[in-house]
PDB file of N, CA and C in Angstrom:
ATOM      1  N   MET A   1       1.029  -1.090  -0.142  1.00  0.00           N
ATOM      2  CA  MET A   1      -0.179   0.282   0.123  1.00  0.00           C
ATOM      3  C   MET A   1       0.600   0.990  -0.552  1.00  0.00           C
ATOM      4  N   ALA A   2       0.859   2.407  -0.676  1.00  0.00           N
ATOM      5  CA  ALA A   2       1.201   3.221  -0.728  1.00  0.00           C
ATOM      6  C   ALA A   2       1.236   4.170   0.564  1.00  0.00           C
ATOM      7  N   GLU A   3       2.120   4.710   0.412  1.00  0.00           N
ATOM      8  CA  GLU A   3       2.014   5.893   1.981  1.00  0.00           C
ATOM      9  C   GLU A   3       1.497   7.468   2.021  1.00  0.00           C
ATOM     10  N   ALA A   4       0.209   7.979   2.792  1.00  0.00           N
ATOM     11  CA  ALA A   4       0.447   9.451   1.983  1.00  0.00           C
ATOM     12  C   ALA A   4       0.718  10.981   2.981  1.00  0.00           C
ATOM     13  N   LYS A   5       1.130  11.104   2.834  1.00  0.00           N
ATOM     14  CA  LYS A   5       1.603  11.945   3.735  1.00  0.00           C
ATOM     15  C   LYS A   5       0.924  13.226   4.366  1.00  0.00           C
ATOM     16  N   GLN A   6       1.128  14.046   4.970  1.00  0.00           N
ATOM     17  CA  GLN A   6       0.469  15.640   4.898  1.00  0.00           C
ATOM     18  C   GLN A   6       1.637  16.267   5.166  1.00  0.00           C
ATOM     19  N   THR A   7       1.728  18.315   5.203  1.00  0.00           N
ATOM     20  CA  THR A   7       2.782  18.222   5.497  1.00  0.00           C
ATOM     21  C   THR A   7       1.707  20.032   4.928  1.00  0.00           C
ATOM     22  N   THR A   8       2.032  21.706   5.647  1.00  0.00           N
ATOM     23  CA  THR A   8       1.783  22.834   5.668  1.00  0.00           C
ATOM     24  C   THR A   8       2.986  23.435   5.254  1.00  0.00           C
ATOM     25  N   ASP A   9       4.018  22.194   5.253  1.00  0.00           N
ATOM     26  CA  ASP A   9       5.373  23.203   4.769  1.00  0.00           C
ATOM     27  C   ASP A   9       5.380  23.594   3.326  1.00  0.00           C
ATOM     28  N   HIS A  10       5.172  24.554   2.958  1.00  0.00           N
ATOM     29  CA  HIS A  10       5.430  25.966   1.618  1.00  0.00           C
ATOM     30  C   HIS A  10       6.160  24.789   0.793  1.00  0.00           C
ATOM     31  N   ASP A  11       7.614  25.242   0.833  1.00  0.00           N
ATOM     32  CA  ASP A  11       8.682  24.491   0.413  1.00  0.00           C
ATOM     33  C   ASP A  11       8.806  23.276  -0.169  1.00  0.00           C
ATOM     34  N   GLU A  12       8.149  22.514   0.567  1.00  0.00           N
ATOM     35  CA  GLU A  12       7.789  20.822   0.794  1.00  0.00           C
ATOM     36  C   GLU A  12       6.105  20.675  -0.453  1.00  0.00           C
ATOM     37  N   ILE A  13       5.265  21.524  -0.622  1.00  0.00           N
ATOM     38  CA  ILE A  13       4.663  21.387  -1.792  1.00  0.00           C
ATOM     39  C   ILE A  13       4.442  21.317  -2.416  1.00  0.00           C
ATOM     40  N   ARG A  14       5.343  22.390  -3.094  1.00  0.00           N
ATOM     41  CA  ARG A  14       6.200  23.622  -4.256  1.00  0.00           C
ATOM     42  C   ARG A  14       6.706  22.518  -4.462  1.00  0.00           C
ATOM     43  N   ARG A  15       7.753  21.154  -4.148  1.00  0.00           N
ATOM     44  CA  ARG A  15       8.800  20.850  -4.306  1.00  0.00           C
ATOM     45  C   ARG A  15       8.142  19.749  -5.020  1.00  0.00           C
ATOM     46  N   TRP A  16       7.031  19.288  -4.119  1.00  0.00           N
ATOM     47  CA  TRP A  16       6.332  17.996  -4.856  1.00  0.00           C
ATOM     48  C   TRP A  16       5.514  18.280  -5.997  1.00  0.00           C
ATOM     49  N   ALA A  17       4.547  19.406  -6.118  1.00  0.00           N
ATOM     50  CA  ALA A  17       4.357  19.694  -7.750  1.00  0.00           C
ATOM     51  C   ALA A  17       5.180  20.240  -8.597  1.00  0.00           C
ATOM     52  N   GLU A  18       6.200  21.491  -8.553  1.00  0.00           N
ATOM     53  CA  GLU A  18       7.030  21.232  -9.184  1.00  0.00           C
ATOM     54  C   GLU A  18       8.510  19.640  -9.967  1.00  0.00           C
ATOM     55  N   GLU A  19       7.779  18.714  -9.105  1.00  0.00           N
ATOM     56  CA  GLU A  19       8.628  17.552 -10.345  1.00  0.00           C
ATOM     57  C   GLU A  19       7.636  17.056 -11.099  1.00  0.00           C
ATOM     58  N   ARG A  20       6.526  16.955 -10.443  1.00  0.00           N
ATOM     59  CA  ARG A  20       5.238  16.996 -11.009  1.00  0.00           C
ATOM     60  C   ARG A  20       5.602  17.355 -12.819  1.00  0.00           C
ATOM     61  N   GLY A  21       5.303  19.006 -12.930  1.00  0.00           N
ATOM     62  CA  GLY A  21       4.754  19.514 -13.179  1.00  0.00           C
ATOM     63  C   GLY A  21       3.766  20.841 -13.610  1.00  0.00           C
ATOM     64  N   GLY A  22       3.368  20.765 -11.632  1.00  0.00           N
ATOM     65  CA  GLY A  22       2.167  21.114 -11.432  1.00  0.00           C
ATOM     66  C   GLY A  22       2.262  22.131 -11.033  1.00  0.00           C
ATOM     67  N   LYS A  23       1.570  23.279 -11.818  1.00  0.00           N
ATOM     68  CA  LYS A  23       1.323  24.898 -11.387  1.00  0.00           C
ATOM     69  C   LYS A  23       0.086  25.698 -10.595  1.00  0.00           C
ATOM     70  N   PRO A  24       0.566  26.252 -10.185  1.00  0.00           N
ATOM     71  CA  PRO A  24      -0.353  26.826  -8.651  1.00  0.00           C
ATOM     72  C   PRO A  24      -1.715  27.102  -9.215  1.00  0.00           C
ATOM     73  N   ALA A  25      -3.134  26.657  -8.572  1.00  0.00           N
ATOM     74  CA  ALA A  25      -4.566  26.821  -9.830  1.00  0.00           C
ATOM     75  C   ALA A  25      -5.820  27.513  -8.833  1.00  0.00           C
ATOM     76  N   VAL A  26      -6.347  28.336  -9.591  1.00  0.00           N
ATOM     77  CA  VAL A  26      -7.529  28.263  -8.812  1.00  0.00           C
ATOM     78  C   VAL A  26      -8.173  27.728  -9.753  1.00  0.00           C
ATOM     79  N   VAL A  27      -9.761  27.784  -9.286  1.00  0.00           N
ATOM     80  CA  VAL A  27     -10.959  27.555 -10.052  1.00  0.00           C
ATOM     81  C   VAL A  27     -11.707  28.713 -10.463  1.00  0.00           C
ATOM     82  N   LYS A  28     -12.103  29.155 -11.919  1.00  0.00           N
ATOM     83  CA  LYS A  28     -11.788  30.445 -12.626  1.00  0.00           C
ATOM     84  C   LYS A  28     -13.546  30.679 -12.372  1.00  0.00           C
ATOM     85  N   SER A  29     -13.959  30.221 -12.365  1.00  0.00           N
ATOM     86  CA  SER A  29     -15.380  30.098 -11.467  1.00  0.00           C
ATOM     87  C   SER A  29     -16.117  30.786 -10.070  1.00  0.00           C
ATOM     88  N   THR A  30     -14.389  30.664  -9.075  1.00  0.00           N
ATOM     89  CA  THR A  30     -14.908  31.203  -7.582  1.00  0.00           C
ATOM     90  C   THR A  30     -13.403  31.554  -7.361  1.00  0.00           C
ATOM     91  N   HIS A  31     -12.881  32.259  -8.525  1.00  0.00           N
ATOM     92  CA  HIS A  31     -12.019  33.385  -8.015  1.00  0.00           C
ATOM     93  C   HIS A  31     -12.660  34.807  -7.992  1.00  0.00           C
ATOM     94  N   ASP A  32     -11.785  35.673  -7.677  1.00  0.00           N
ATOM     95  CA  ASP A  32     -12.668  36.921  -7.909  1.00  0.00           C
ATOM     96  C   ASP A  32     -11.894  37.800  -7.038  1.00  0.00           C
ATOM     97  N   LYS A  33     -11.452  39.921  -6.820  1.00  0.00           N
ATOM     98  CA  LYS A  33     -10.431  40.417  -6.591  1.00  0.00           C
ATOM     99  C   LYS A  33     -10.619  40.271  -5.027  1.00  0.00           C
ATOM    100  N   ASN A  34     -10.685  39.666  -4.645  1.00  0.00           N
ATOM    101  CA  ASN A  34     -10.836  40.355  -2.881  1.00  0.00           C
ATOM    102  C   ASN A  34      -9.881  38.243  -2.935  1.00  0.00           C
ATOM    103  N   GLY A  35      -9.204  37.704  -3.319  1.00  0.00           N
ATOM    104  CA  GLY A  35      -8.955  36.751  -2.741  1.00  0.00           C
ATOM    105  C   GLY A  35      -9.645  35.697  -3.066  1.00  0.00           C
ATOM    106  N   GLY A  36     -11.036  34.927  -3.451  1.00  0.00           N
ATOM    107  CA  GLY A  36     -11.299  33.720  -2.962  1.00  0.00           C
ATOM    108  C   GLY A  36     -11.047  33.149  -3.878  1.00  0.00           C
ATOM    109  N   GLY A  37     -11.462  31.613  -3.951  1.00  0.00           N
ATOM    110  CA  GLY A  37     -11.207  30.746  -5.162  1.00  0.00           C
ATOM    111  C   GLY A  37     -11.001  29.590  -5.102  1.00  0.00           C
ATOM    112  N   ILE A  38     -11.341  28.059  -5.077  1.00  0.00           N
ATOM    113  CA  ILE A  38     -10.731  26.957  -4.619  1.00  0.00           C
ATOM    114  C   ILE A  38      -9.236  26.779  -5.517  1.00  0.00           C
ATOM    115  N   LEU A  39      -9.042  26.406  -4.367  1.00  0.00           N
ATOM    116  CA  LEU A  39      -7.596  25.511  -4.666  1.00  0.00           C
ATOM    117  C   LEU A  39      -7.092  24.656  -5.357  1.00  0.00           C
ATOM    118  N   ARG A  40      -7.153  24.672  -6.858  1.00  0.00           N
ATOM    119  CA  ARG A  40      -6.159  23.331  -7.006  1.00  0.00           C
ATOM    120  C   ARG A  40      -4.805  23.801  -7.534  1.00  0.00           C
ATOM    121  N   LEU A  41      -4.387  22.542  -7.867  1.00  0.00           N
ATOM    122  CA  LEU A  41      -2.601  22.008  -8.425  1.00  0.00           C
ATOM    123  C   LEU A  41      -3.054  21.498  -9.806  1.00  0.00           C
ATOM    124  N   GLU A  42      -2.457  22.140 -11.478  1.00  0.00           N
ATOM    125  CA  GLU A  42      -2.395  21.549 -12.295  1.00  0.00           C
ATOM    126  C   GLU A  42      -1.709  21.158 -12.937  1.00  0.00           C
ATOM    127  N   PHE A  43      -1.743  19.889 -13.322  1.00  0.00           N
ATOM    128  CA  PHE A  43      -0.931  19.223 -13.981  1.00  0.00           C
ATOM    129  C   PHE A  43      -0.583  19.511 -16.368  1.00  0.00           C
ATOM    130  N   PRO A  44      -0.687  20.759 -15.979  1.00  0.00           N
ATOM    131  CA  PRO A  44      -0.694  20.949 -17.655  1.00  0.00           C
ATOM    132  C   PRO A  44       0.253  19.105 -18.668  1.00  0.00           C
ATOM    133  N   GLY A  45       0.204  20.068 -20.345  1.00  0.00           N
ATOM    134  CA  GLY A  45       0.814  18.203 -20.096  1.00  0.00           C
ATOM    135  C   GLY A  45       0.136  16.801 -21.029  1.00  0.00           C
ATOM    136  N   ALA A  46       0.467  16.760 -21.411  1.00  0.00           N
ATOM    137  CA  ALA A  46       0.358  14.869 -21.786  1.00  0.00           C
ATOM    138  C   ALA A  46       0.313  14.065 -20.564  1.00  0.00           C
ATOM    139  N   PRO A  47      -0.316  13.325 -20.041  1.00  0.00           N
ATOM    140  CA  PRO A  47      -1.554  12.736 -20.611  1.00  0.00           C
ATOM    141  C   PRO A  47      -3.146  14.543 -20.834  1.00  0.00           C
ATOM    142  N   HIS A  48      -2.444  14.609 -19.026  1.00  0.00           N
ATOM    143  CA  HIS A  48      -4.000  15.578 -19.578  1.00  0.00           C
ATOM    144  C   HIS A  48      -3.551  17.775 -19.949  1.00  0.00           C
ATOM    145  N   PRO A  49      -4.531  18.117 -20.640  1.00  0.00           N
ATOM    146  CA  PRO A  49      -4.494  18.790 -21.758  1.00  0.00           C
ATOM    147  C   PRO A  49      -5.030  19.646 -20.331  1.00  0.00           C
ATOM    148  N   HIS A  50      -4.535  20.990 -20.286  1.00  0.00           N
ATOM    149  CA  HIS A  50      -5.091  21.751 -19.680  1.00  0.00           C
ATOM    150  C   HIS A  50      -6.349  22.335 -19.496  1.00  0.00           C
ATOM    151  N   ASP A  51      -7.211  22.156 -18.190  1.00  0.00           N
ATOM    152  CA  ASP A  51      -7.896  22.318 -17.314  1.00  0.00           C
ATOM    153  C   ASP A  51      -8.743  24.001 -17.945  1.00  0.00           C
ATOM    154  N   GLU A  52      -9.623  23.901 -18.821  1.00  0.00           N
ATOM    155  CA  GLU A  52     -10.278  25.508 -18.775  1.00  0.00           C
ATOM    156  C   GLU A  52     -10.873  26.144 -17.522  1.00  0.00           C
ATOM    157  N   ASN A  53     -11.284  25.680 -17.182  1.00  0.00           N
ATOM    158  CA  ASN A  53     -12.434  26.047 -15.404  1.00  0.00           C
ATOM    159  C   ASN A  53     -11.025  26.201 -14.980  1.00  0.00           C
ATOM    160  N   LEU A  54      -9.399  26.348 -14.834  1.00  0.00           N
ATOM    161  CA  LEU A  54      -8.451  26.426 -14.255  1.00  0.00           C
ATOM    162  C   LEU A  54      -7.559  27.958 -14.385  1.00  0.00           C
ATOM    163  N   GLU A  55      -7.883  28.701 -13.195  1.00  0.00           N
ATOM    164  CA  GLU A  55      -6.632  29.794 -13.775  1.00  0.00           C
ATOM    165  C   GLU A  55      -5.463  29.656 -12.925  1.00  0.00           C
ATOM    166  N   GLU A  56      -4.063  30.164 -13.580  1.00  0.00           N
ATOM    167  CA  GLU A  56      -3.207  29.438 -13.524  1.00  0.00           C
ATOM    168  C   GLU A  56      -2.661  30.882 -12.600  1.00  0.00           C
ATOM    169  N   ILE A  57      -1.943  30.992 -11.076  1.00  0.00           N
ATOM    170  CA  ILE A  57      -2.146  32.103 -10.149  1.00  0.00           C
ATOM    171  C   ILE A  57      -0.565  31.779  -9.721  1.00  0.00           C
ATOM    172  N   SER A  58       0.084  33.157  -8.585  1.00  0.00           N
ATOM    173  CA  SER A  58       1.588  33.037  -8.363  1.00  0.00           C
ATOM    174  C   SER A  58       1.394  31.563  -7.059  1.00  0.00           C
ATOM    175  N   TRP A  59       2.398  31.178  -7.200  1.00  0.00           N
ATOM    176  CA  TRP A  59       2.426  30.838  -5.170  1.00  0.00           C
ATOM    177  C   TRP A  59       2.535  31.554  -4.895  1.00  0.00           C
ATOM    178  N   ASP A  60       3.417  32.529  -4.629  1.00  0.00           N
ATOM    179  CA  ASP A  60       2.630  33.522  -3.117  1.00  0.00           C
ATOM    180  C   ASP A  60       0.812  33.718  -3.118  1.00  0.00           C
ATOM    181  N   GLU A  61       0.655  34.041  -4.383  1.00  0.00           N
ATOM    182  CA  GLU A  61      -1.391  33.609  -4.372  1.00  0.00           C
ATOM    183  C   GLU A  61      -1.553  32.845  -3.070  1.00  0.00           C
ATOM    184  N   PHE A  62      -1.246  31.150  -3.720  1.00  0.00           N
ATOM    185  CA  PHE A  62      -1.230  30.022  -3.537  1.00  0.00           C
ATOM    186  C   PHE A  62      -1.443  30.494  -2.206  1.00  0.00           C
ATOM    187  N   PHE A  63      -0.166  30.490  -1.975  1.00  0.00           N
ATOM    188  CA  PHE A  63       0.496  30.059  -0.135  1.00  0.00           C
ATOM    189  C   PHE A  63      -0.765  30.875   0.283  1.00  0.00           C
ATOM    190  N   GLU A  64      -1.005  32.122   0.341  1.00  0.00           N
ATOM    191  CA  GLU A  64      -1.195  33.189   0.505  1.00  0.00           C
ATOM    192  C   GLU A  64      -3.111  32.563   1.557  1.00  0.00           C
ATOM    193  N   LYS A  65      -3.848  32.253   0.179  1.00  0.00           N
ATOM    194  CA  LYS A  65      -4.862  31.414  -0.084  1.00  0.00           C
ATOM    195  C   LYS A  65      -5.034  29.828   0.941  1.00  0.00           C
ATOM    196  N   PHE A  66      -4.347  29.219   0.935  1.00  0.00           N
ATOM    197  CA  PHE A  66      -3.534  27.905   1.697  1.00  0.00           C
ATOM    198  C   PHE A  66      -3.962  28.424   3.425  1.00  0.00           C
ATOM    199  N   ASP A  67      -2.817  29.792   3.493  1.00  0.00           N
ATOM    200  CA  ASP A  67      -2.618  29.489   4.772  1.00  0.00           C
ATOM    201  C   ASP A  67      -3.369  30.694   5.506  1.00  0.00           C
ATOM    202  N   ARG A  68      -4.676  31.142   4.782  1.00  0.00           N
ATOM    203  CA  ARG A  68      -6.431  32.000   4.857  1.00  0.00           C
ATOM    204  C   ARG A  68      -7.071  30.263   5.350  1.00  0.00           C
ATOM    205  N   GLU A  69      -6.815  29.710   4.558  1.00  0.00           N
ATOM    206  CA  GLU A  69      -8.692  29.031   4.785  1.00  0.00           C
ATOM    207  C   GLU A  69      -7.424  27.900   5.780  1.00  0.00           C
ATOM    208  N   LYS A  70      -7.099  27.737   6.043  1.00  0.00           N
ATOM    209  CA  LYS A  70      -6.149  26.552   7.028  1.00  0.00           C
ATOM    210  C   LYS A  70      -6.232  24.949   6.273  1.00  0.00           C
ATOM    211  N   LEU A  71      -5.571  25.105   5.099  1.00  0.00           N
ATOM    212  CA  LEU A  71      -5.535  23.786   4.699  1.00  0.00           C
ATOM    213  C   LEU A  71      -3.823  23.007   4.820  1.00  0.00           C
ATOM    214  N   ALA A  72      -4.270  21.698   4.614  1.00  0.00           N
ATOM    215  CA  ALA A  72      -3.275  20.740   4.652  1.00  0.00           C
ATOM    216  C   ALA A  72      -2.819  20.158   3.297  1.00  0.00           C
ATOM    217  N   PHE A  73      -1.701  19.903   2.629  1.00  0.00           N
ATOM    218  CA  PHE A  73      -1.669  19.338   1.551  1.00  0.00           C
ATOM    219  C   PHE A  73      -1.344  17.067   1.728  1.00  0.00           C
ATOM    220  N   LEU A  74      -2.100  16.405   1.368  1.00  0.00           N
ATOM    221  CA  LEU A  74      -2.062  15.434   1.976  1.00  0.00           C
ATOM    222  C   LEU A  74      -1.934  14.736   1.058  1.00  0.00           C
ATOM    223  N   TYR A  75      -0.427  14.160   0.437  1.00  0.00           N
ATOM    224  CA  TYR A  75       0.082  13.825  -1.150  1.00  0.00           C
ATOM    225  C   TYR A  75       0.568  12.381  -0.624  1.00  0.00           C
ATOM    226  N   GLN A  76       0.994  11.826  -2.113  1.00  0.00           N
ATOM    227  CA  GLN A  76       0.971  10.823  -1.972  1.00  0.00           C
ATOM    228  C   GLN A  76       3.126  10.878  -2.936  1.00  0.00           C
ATOM    229  N   GLU A  77       4.430  10.191  -2.611  1.00  0.00           N
ATOM    230  CA  GLU A  77       5.628  10.346  -2.866  1.00  0.00           C
ATOM    231  C   GLU A  77       4.927   9.666  -4.652  1.00  0.00           C
ATOM    232  N   LYS A  78       4.826   8.061  -4.602  1.00  0.00           N
ATOM    233  CA  LYS A  78       4.648   6.868  -5.470  1.00  0.00           C
ATOM    234  C   LYS A  78       3.404   5.999  -4.557  1.00  0.00           C
ATOM    235  N   THR A  79       3.202   5.467  -5.628  1.00  0.00           N
ATOM    236  CA  THR A  79       2.034   4.475  -6.459  1.00  0.00           C
ATOM    237  C   THR A  79       2.972   3.461  -5.485  1.00  0.00           C
ATOM    238  N   SER A  80       1.338   2.145  -5.429  1.00  0.00           N
ATOM    239  CA  SER A  80       1.418   0.773  -4.402  1.00  0.00           C
ATOM    240  C   SER A  80       2.307   0.342  -5.502  1.00  0.00           C
ATOM    241  N   ASP A  81       3.082   0.668  -7.051  1.00  0.00           N
ATOM    242  CA  ASP A  81       3.243  -0.264  -7.581  1.00  0.00           C
ATOM    243  C   ASP A  81       5.095   0.689  -7.367  1.00  0.00           C
ATOM    244  N   GLY A  82       5.214   1.590  -7.116  1.00  0.00           N
ATOM    245  CA  GLY A  82       6.866   2.371  -7.225  1.00  0.00           C
ATOM    246  C   GLY A  82       6.799   3.523  -8.162  1.00  0.00           C
ATOM    247  N   LYS A  83       6.048   4.068  -9.164  1.00  0.00           N
ATOM    248  CA  LYS A  83       5.612   4.804 -10.538  1.00  0.00           C
ATOM    249  C   LYS A  83       5.737   6.350  -9.022  1.00  0.00           C
ATOM    250  N   VAL A  84       5.984   7.241 -10.293  1.00  0.00           N
ATOM    251  CA  VAL A  84       5.309   8.951  -8.872  1.00  0.00           C
ATOM    252  C   VAL A  84       4.335   9.032  -9.536  1.00  0.00           C
ATOM    253  N   SER A  85       3.902   9.560  -7.952  1.00  0.00           N
ATOM    254  CA  SER A  85       2.317   9.539  -8.025  1.00  0.00           C
ATOM    255  C   SER A  85       1.866  11.085  -8.045  1.00  0.00           C
ATOM    256  N   ARG A  86       0.090  11.415  -8.666  1.00  0.00           N
ATOM    257  CA  ARG A  86       0.204  13.147  -8.490  1.00  0.00           C
ATOM    258  C   ARG A  86      -1.297  12.449  -7.784  1.00  0.00           C
ATOM    259  N   PHE A  87      -1.169  11.904  -7.395  1.00  0.00           N
ATOM    260  CA  PHE A  87      -2.137  11.970  -6.351  1.00  0.00           C
ATOM    261  C   PHE A  87      -2.248  12.911  -4.683  1.00  0.00           C
ATOM    262  N   PHE A  88      -2.741  13.994  -4.078  1.00  0.00           N
ATOM    263  CA  PHE A  88      -3.040  15.054  -3.440  1.00  0.00           C
ATOM    264  C   PHE A  88      -4.024  15.652  -3.224  1.00  0.00           C
ATOM    265  N   LYS A  89      -4.520  16.227  -1.821  1.00  0.00           N
ATOM    266  CA  LYS A  89      -5.447  16.225  -1.273  1.00  0.00           C
ATOM    267  C   LYS A  89      -5.732  17.607  -1.056  1.00  0.00           C
ATOM    268  N   PHE A  90      -6.892  18.602  -0.804  1.00  0.00           N
ATOM    269  CA  PHE A  90      -6.265  19.925   0.113  1.00  0.00           C
ATOM    270  C   PHE A  90      -7.301  19.444   1.130  1.00  0.00           C
ATOM    271  N   VAL A  91      -6.863  19.408   2.266  1.00  0.00           N
ATOM    272  CA  VAL A  91      -8.093  18.990   3.676  1.00  0.00           C
ATOM    273  C   VAL A  91      -7.714  20.248   5.354  1.00  0.00           C
ATOM    274  N   SER A  92      -8.752  19.611   5.661  1.00  0.00           N
ATOM    275  CA  SER A  92      -8.813  20.828   6.975  1.00  0.00           C
ATOM    276  C   SER A  92      -7.365  21.036   7.519  1.00  0.00           C
ATOM    277  N   ARG A  93      -6.711  21.552   8.423  1.00  0.00           N
ATOM    278  CA  ARG A  93      -5.289  21.517   9.926  1.00  0.00           C
ATOM    279  C   ARG A  93      -6.244  21.101  10.319  1.00  0.00           C
ATOM    280  N   SER A  94      -7.308  21.225  10.920  1.00  0.00           N
ATOM    281  CA  SER A  94      -8.116  20.895  12.456  1.00  0.00           C
ATOM    282  C   SER A  94      -8.327  18.985  12.486  1.00  0.00           C
TER     283      SER A  94
END
């Protein structure tokens, strides 16, 4: 069984995402000028085309929302068969 880890460390989250080609994003329909928006990580490129429902944001904006919403990052380094995993989920810190 693959092990899931949880963190709030910005450097660890960014490292994990960038190693997999991930970029910080929000769901367009929820993004507003007041800093609202549902956070996502987008992995553009094959086999995952760009999701038109997502809007890329800066890492600074991403982590500002992440901390304001008191989120934690649940993720997996490798799948159960040893391949690089892209599994992640945002969860409440509490």
